[in-house]
Amino acid sequence: MAPMNPLYFTFGEADSWVVPVLVTKIKPSGTNKVKVESFEYSDDVYLYDDILLPN
């Protein structure tokens, strides 16, 4: 299975700074609104993904 590439979306004004986030929830509201919940991305989240846990 190929590794997943992150999807990039931009919300807000074009001249504003960007903060990478991980989206945890998307909730549509009608046909024109969506609530997005997320937290700021950090490489530390994946720091220990490839270690084996003790039994």
C-alpha atoms as a PDB file:
ATOM      1  CA  MET A   1       0.000   0.000   0.000  1.00  0.00           C
ATOM      2  CA  ALA A   2       1.400   3.405  -0.960  1.00  0.00           C
ATOM      3  CA  PRO A   3       1.868   5.972   1.820  1.00  0.00           C
ATOM      4  CA  MET A   4      -0.839   8.604   2.051  1.00  0.00           C
ATOM      5  CA  ASN A   5       0.057  12.136   1.057  1.00  0.00           C
ATOM      6  CA  PRO A   6      -1.457  14.944   3.125  1.00  0.00           C
ATOM      7  CA  LEU A   7      -4.251  16.992   1.599  1.00  0.00           C
ATOM      8  CA  TYR A   8      -3.836  20.746   1.710  1.00  0.00           C
ATOM      9  CA  PHE A   9      -6.724  23.166   2.145  1.00  0.00           C
ATOM     10  CA  THR A  10      -6.580  26.855   2.915  1.00  0.00           C
ATOM     11  CA  PHE A  11      -9.214  28.691   4.933  1.00  0.00           C
ATOM     12  CA  GLY A  12      -9.288  32.405   5.567  1.00  0.00           C
ATOM     13  CA  GLU A  13      -7.663  35.390   3.928  1.00  0.00           C
ATOM     14  CA  ALA A  14      -5.057  34.966   1.193  1.00  0.00           C
ATOM     15  CA  ASP A  15      -2.439  37.197   2.884  1.00  0.00           C
ATOM     16  CA  SER A  16      -2.639  35.528   6.318  1.00  0.00           C
ATOM     17  CA  TRP A  17      -0.065  33.113   7.764  1.00  0.00           C
ATOM     18  CA  VAL A  18      -0.694  29.372   7.731  1.00  0.00           C
ATOM     19  CA  VAL A  19      -0.776  26.821  10.554  1.00  0.00           C
ATOM     20  CA  PRO A  20      -0.699  23.125   9.547  1.00  0.00           C
ATOM     21  CA  VAL A  21      -3.378  21.114  11.381  1.00  0.00           C
ATOM     22  CA  LEU A  22      -4.708  17.573  11.591  1.00  0.00           C
ATOM     23  CA  VAL A  23      -8.465  17.476  11.011  1.00  0.00           C
ATOM     24  CA  THR A  24     -10.298  15.337  13.562  1.00  0.00           C
ATOM     25  CA  LYS A  25     -13.928  16.021  12.674  1.00  0.00           C
ATOM     26  CA  ILE A  26     -15.967  17.483   9.806  1.00  0.00           C
ATOM     27  CA  LYS A  27     -19.637  18.239  10.381  1.00  0.00           C
ATOM     28  CA  PRO A  28     -21.792  19.625   7.535  1.00  0.00           C
ATOM     29  CA  SER A  29     -24.501  22.141   8.444  1.00  0.00           C
ATOM     30  CA  GLY A  30     -26.967  22.668   5.628  1.00  0.00           C
ATOM     31  CA  THR A  31     -25.647  23.170   2.107  1.00  0.00           C
ATOM     32  CA  ASN A  32     -23.318  26.151   2.683  1.00  0.00           C
ATOM     33  CA  LYS A  33     -21.607  25.574   6.034  1.00  0.00           C
ATOM     34  CA  VAL A  34     -19.183  23.059   7.515  1.00  0.00           C
ATOM     35  CA  LYS A  35     -17.718  22.889  11.009  1.00  0.00           C
ATOM     36  CA  VAL A  36     -14.128  21.614  11.071  1.00  0.00           C
ATOM     37  CA  GLU A  37     -12.394  20.515  14.281  1.00  0.00           C
ATOM     38  CA  SER A  38      -8.628  20.112  14.296  1.00  0.00           C
ATOM     39  CA  PHE A  39      -5.448  20.452  16.295  1.00  0.00           C
ATOM     40  CA  GLU A  40      -2.105  21.931  15.326  1.00  0.00           C
ATOM     41  CA  TYR A  41       0.151  19.489  13.476  1.00  0.00           C
ATOM     42  CA  SER A  42       3.387  18.415  15.138  1.00  0.00           C
ATOM     43  CA  ASP A  43       5.958  15.893  13.918  1.00  0.00           C
ATOM     44  CA  ASP A  44       6.126  14.718  17.541  1.00  0.00           C
ATOM     45  CA  VAL A  45       2.747  12.990  17.069  1.00  0.00           C
ATOM     46  CA  TYR A  46       4.497  10.410  14.883  1.00  0.00           C
ATOM     47  CA  LEU A  47       7.808  10.286  16.758  1.00  0.00           C
ATOM     48  CA  TYR A  48       7.322   6.736  18.102  1.00  0.00           C
ATOM     49  CA  ASP A  49       5.050   5.233  15.412  1.00  0.00           C
ATOM     50  CA  ASP A  50       7.605   2.650  14.330  1.00  0.00           C
ATOM     51  CA  ILE A  51       8.689   1.211  17.693  1.00  0.00           C
ATOM     52  CA  LEU A  52       7.515  -2.093  19.147  1.00  0.00           C
ATOM     53  CA  LEU A  53       5.638  -1.958  22.425  1.00  0.00           C
ATOM     54  CA  PRO A  54       6.620  -4.380  25.186  1.00  0.00           C
ATOM     55  CA  ASN A  55       4.251  -7.264  25.960  1.00  0.00           C
END
